[in-house]
Amino acid sequence: MTMHNPPHPGAFIRQIYLEPHQLSVRALAESLGVAPSTVTRIINGHSAISPEMALRLAKALGRSAESWLAMQHNYDLWQAKQTTDLTRVKAIEFAA
């Protein structure tokens, strides 16, 4: 089943971890071992979750690295489906 307009992982982090637990960007950045600006870019949806960041988030927040990457993948794919023009792409037919 395809999700309709999945959230960017940064929005998820803000809604599930930062706001309810009054966790600051600075505190999360310190826990992750990265600059606060790096976390800010993710939270604001300006940077994607890389495999390295997925490992850091998994250790700090408790979800699997795979789940962070899947969330990013779902977001990226949905965004691409909204903006990619495939009208000029033709299917290749293979002989059976």
C-alpha atoms as a PDB file:
ATOM      1  CA  MET A   1       0.000   0.000   0.000  1.00  0.00           C
ATOM      2  CA  THR A   2       1.391   3.392  -0.977  1.00  0.00           C
ATOM      3  CA  MET A   3       1.271   6.203   1.530  1.00  0.00           C
ATOM      4  CA  HIS A   4      -0.245   9.465   0.378  1.00  0.00           C
ATOM      5  CA  ASN A   5       2.154  12.373   0.897  1.00  0.00           C
ATOM      6  CA  PRO A   6       4.474  10.740   3.450  1.00  0.00           C
ATOM      7  CA  PRO A   7       6.217  13.122   5.848  1.00  0.00           C
ATOM      8  CA  HIS A   8       9.865  14.028   5.539  1.00  0.00           C
ATOM      9  CA  PRO A   9      11.804  12.215   8.281  1.00  0.00           C
ATOM     10  CA  GLY A  10      12.686  15.615   9.760  1.00  0.00           C
ATOM     11  CA  ALA A  11       9.007  16.428  10.319  1.00  0.00           C
ATOM     12  CA  PHE A  12       8.609  13.019  11.975  1.00  0.00           C
ATOM     13  CA  ILE A  13      11.564  13.708  14.276  1.00  0.00           C
ATOM     14  CA  ARG A  14      10.103  17.093  15.225  1.00  0.00           C
ATOM     15  CA  GLN A  15       6.584  15.744  15.880  1.00  0.00           C
ATOM     16  CA  ILE A  16       7.497  12.482  17.616  1.00  0.00           C
ATOM     17  CA  TYR A  17      10.710  13.274  19.463  1.00  0.00           C
ATOM     18  CA  LEU A  18      11.475  16.980  19.773  1.00  0.00           C
ATOM     19  CA  GLU A  19       8.141  18.628  20.561  1.00  0.00           C
ATOM     20  CA  PRO A  20       6.566  16.034  22.893  1.00  0.00           C
ATOM     21  CA  HIS A  21       9.771  15.541  24.882  1.00  0.00           C
ATOM     22  CA  GLN A  22      10.916  19.171  24.776  1.00  0.00           C
ATOM     23  CA  LEU A  23      14.167  17.982  23.222  1.00  0.00           C
ATOM     24  CA  SER A  24      16.154  20.800  21.631  1.00  0.00           C
ATOM     25  CA  VAL A  25      17.885  20.623  18.277  1.00  0.00           C
ATOM     26  CA  ARG A  26      21.150  21.305  20.094  1.00  0.00           C
ATOM     27  CA  ALA A  27      20.602  18.378  22.486  1.00  0.00           C
ATOM     28  CA  LEU A  28      19.723  16.007  19.643  1.00  0.00           C
ATOM     29  CA  ALA A  29      22.744  17.185  17.643  1.00  0.00           C
ATOM     30  CA  GLU A  30      25.009  16.585  20.625  1.00  0.00           C
ATOM     31  CA  SER A  31      23.575  13.091  21.065  1.00  0.00           C
ATOM     32  CA  LEU A  32      24.095  12.363  17.364  1.00  0.00           C
ATOM     33  CA  GLY A  33      27.621  13.791  17.335  1.00  0.00           C
ATOM     34  CA  VAL A  34      26.835  16.317  14.599  1.00  0.00           C
ATOM     35  CA  ALA A  35      26.500  20.080  14.306  1.00  0.00           C
ATOM     36  CA  PRO A  36      23.145  21.625  15.267  1.00  0.00           C
ATOM     37  CA  SER A  37      22.938  23.069  11.740  1.00  0.00           C
ATOM     38  CA  THR A  38      22.940  19.516  10.365  1.00  0.00           C
ATOM     39  CA  VAL A  39      19.947  18.586  12.512  1.00  0.00           C
ATOM     40  CA  THR A  40      18.208  21.860  11.639  1.00  0.00           C
ATOM     41  CA  ARG A  41      18.533  21.112   7.916  1.00  0.00           C
ATOM     42  CA  ILE A  42      16.999  17.662   8.457  1.00  0.00           C
ATOM     43  CA  ILE A  43      14.203  18.948  10.712  1.00  0.00           C
ATOM     44  CA  ASN A  44      13.311  21.624   8.157  1.00  0.00           C
ATOM     45  CA  GLY A  45      13.261  19.083   5.312  1.00  0.00           C
ATOM     46  CA  HIS A  46      16.264  20.620   3.540  1.00  0.00           C
ATOM     47  CA  SER A  47      18.525  17.580   3.944  1.00  0.00           C
ATOM     48  CA  ALA A  48      17.853  13.904   3.492  1.00  0.00           C
ATOM     49  CA  ILE A  49      18.643  11.098   5.909  1.00  0.00           C
ATOM     50  CA  SER A  50      21.877   9.472   4.723  1.00  0.00           C
ATOM     51  CA  PRO A  51      22.823   5.904   5.666  1.00  0.00           C
ATOM     52  CA  GLU A  52      25.330   7.327   8.173  1.00  0.00           C
ATOM     53  CA  MET A  53      22.700   9.584   9.721  1.00  0.00           C
ATOM     54  CA  ALA A  54      20.247   6.669   9.796  1.00  0.00           C
ATOM     55  CA  LEU A  55      22.750   4.720  11.912  1.00  0.00           C
ATOM     56  CA  ARG A  56      23.196   7.700  14.259  1.00  0.00           C
ATOM     57  CA  LEU A  57      19.421   8.224  14.579  1.00  0.00           C
ATOM     58  CA  ALA A  58      18.900   4.509  15.206  1.00  0.00           C
ATOM     59  CA  LYS A  59      21.335   4.552  18.109  1.00  0.00           C
ATOM     60  CA  ALA A  60      20.099   7.849  19.565  1.00  0.00           C
ATOM     61  CA  LEU A  61      16.332   7.472  19.099  1.00  0.00           C
ATOM     62  CA  GLY A  62      15.825   3.716  19.061  1.00  0.00           C
ATOM     63  CA  ARG A  63      14.297   3.026  15.633  1.00  0.00           C
ATOM     64  CA  SER A  64      16.202   0.865  13.161  1.00  0.00           C
ATOM     65  CA  ALA A  65      18.467   2.441  10.571  1.00  0.00           C
ATOM     66  CA  GLU A  66      16.395   0.640   7.951  1.00  0.00           C
ATOM     67  CA  SER A  67      13.228   2.366   9.151  1.00  0.00           C
ATOM     68  CA  TRP A  68      14.853   5.810   8.844  1.00  0.00           C
ATOM     69  CA  LEU A  69      16.063   5.024   5.332  1.00  0.00           C
ATOM     70  CA  ALA A  70      12.666   3.588   4.358  1.00  0.00           C
ATOM     71  CA  MET A  71      10.971   6.762   5.574  1.00  0.00           C
ATOM     72  CA  GLN A  72      13.361   8.871   3.490  1.00  0.00           C
ATOM     73  CA  HIS A  73      12.874   6.599   0.478  1.00  0.00           C
ATOM     74  CA  ASN A  74       9.076   6.807   0.723  1.00  0.00           C
ATOM     75  CA  TYR A  75       9.231  10.591   0.971  1.00  0.00           C
ATOM     76  CA  ASP A  76      11.654  10.917  -1.966  1.00  0.00           C
ATOM     77  CA  LEU A  77       9.696   8.542  -4.194  1.00  0.00           C
ATOM     78  CA  TRP A  78       6.387  10.293  -3.498  1.00  0.00           C
ATOM     79  CA  GLN A  79       7.976  13.665  -4.270  1.00  0.00           C
ATOM     80  CA  ALA A  80       9.424  12.298  -7.531  1.00  0.00           C
ATOM     81  CA  LYS A  81       6.031  10.897  -8.548  1.00  0.00           C
ATOM     82  CA  GLN A  82       4.545  14.368  -8.144  1.00  0.00           C
ATOM     83  CA  THR A  83       7.117  16.158 -10.269  1.00  0.00           C
ATOM     84  CA  THR A  84       8.588  13.721 -12.794  1.00  0.00           C
ATOM     85  CA  ASP A  85       7.203  13.855 -16.314  1.00  0.00           C
ATOM     86  CA  LEU A  86       7.218  10.332 -17.757  1.00  0.00           C
ATOM     87  CA  THR A  87       5.203  11.103 -20.894  1.00  0.00           C
ATOM     88  CA  ARG A  88       8.260  10.716 -23.144  1.00  0.00           C
ATOM     89  CA  VAL A  89       9.401   7.451 -21.548  1.00  0.00           C
ATOM     90  CA  LYS A  90       8.543   4.361 -23.564  1.00  0.00           C
ATOM     91  CA  ALA A  91       8.380   0.842 -22.198  1.00  0.00           C
ATOM     92  CA  ILE A  92      10.793  -1.648 -23.733  1.00  0.00           C
ATOM     93  CA  GLU A  93       9.138  -4.844 -24.861  1.00  0.00           C
ATOM     94  CA  PHE A  94      11.209  -7.981 -24.397  1.00  0.00           C
ATOM     95  CA  ALA A  95      10.727 -11.178 -26.351  1.00  0.00           C
ATOM     96  CA  ALA A  96       9.334 -14.041 -24.296  1.00  0.00           C
END
